[in-house]
Amino acid sequence: MSSPLIFSITPYWAEMILSGRKTVELRRRPPKLAQCVAALIYETRPRMQISALCSVGPVISAAVGTLWARVGEASGLHREGFERYFDGLPTAHAIVLSGVTALKEPVLLQDLRDTIGFRPPQSWCRASESLMELVRRRL
């Protein structure tokens, strides 16, 4: 089984995911996923907290125009923003999000630093078992 992931996402996009209006996460460099895995959503400044757990996968990769046709509406972006995000890349990537569950109480960055020495990723990284255990207590 693949280890869980953690994604750094701005609060605006995290709210879109939690509301169900955004069901794919766009990435210029996605993780390699052999199967669906658990993932945490870390909200960046100003919130700086883990706020949700979800499943991610598969990764859909295609030319920008092709990917827009498949998942554009699920991305939360207008076509211009979508194309601008992937500008200069031959291949665009969308990660399917499902089973999004908000934590009863978000885990603040300071608590994560104090308890497990956590440092949020710039984009995404693998989540440690100690981090996952801390989050499971907040479901």
Foldseek 3Di string as FASTA:
>chain_A
DDFEKEFEDAPVVVVCVVVQQAFKEWDLDDDQDPDKHKYWYQHDPPQGWTWKIWIKDDKDKDAQVVVCVVCVRNHPDDSVVSCVVNPPPRMIIIIGIGDIDTFQDIGHNVNCCVPPNDDDDPGMDGDDPVVVVVRVVRD
